[in-house]
């Protein structure tokens, strides 16, 4: 149970002899493989998937970063164990530019680690080594992206959007009145706070259709 009210301070309540934990608005809980938080749902789940991906990556770092193995083999291994972990249920995500950038930067950081390029700072003067370091990051990132473009590993941002569109088509074809469809068409009463409305799951579909029709 999640308490949205600002004055809520209870940690547990009893209902017919059953003790129910009350979560504060900023708290989350794991449920069916996802990290649920009603106030920052998508940010919480995205960070949860990224954290799980890093756990998987570090568990298999020895093989993923072993330069004695062919790069293509390591990329395929990466795509087999890391990509499914980070993109679990990603078709339900509401993506923004910031979230896409977070996902992309995480993948590129992992791929840079796999390439094993080492940075050696030749000077303690920041004005001397910082430009060289930035150029080094760009070179390693370009090398990592080349493996994505060559198809050795799926691009997480493109793959998320592909799964999102696949899932939206699956929902649109349903006619059995399931909750997945009802939640997209239901009307919620009340008034929302002032300001720019929060991006909805269906907004990307509407934008895509407006551009293609």
Foldseek 3Di string as FASTA:
>chain_A
DEDADPPDDDQWDADPNDIDGYHYQVAWDDDPNATAHPPPGQVRRLVVLLVQLVVQCVVCVCVLQPPVDDPLVSLLVSQVGRLCSNCPVLLQHDDDPVSLVVLQVSQLVSLLSNVPDDDDAPDPDCVPRVVVVVVVSVVSSVVSVVCCVVVSHPRNSVVSVVSNVVVVVVLVPDDPPDPVVCVVPDDDDDDDDDDDDDDDSCPVVVVVVVVVD
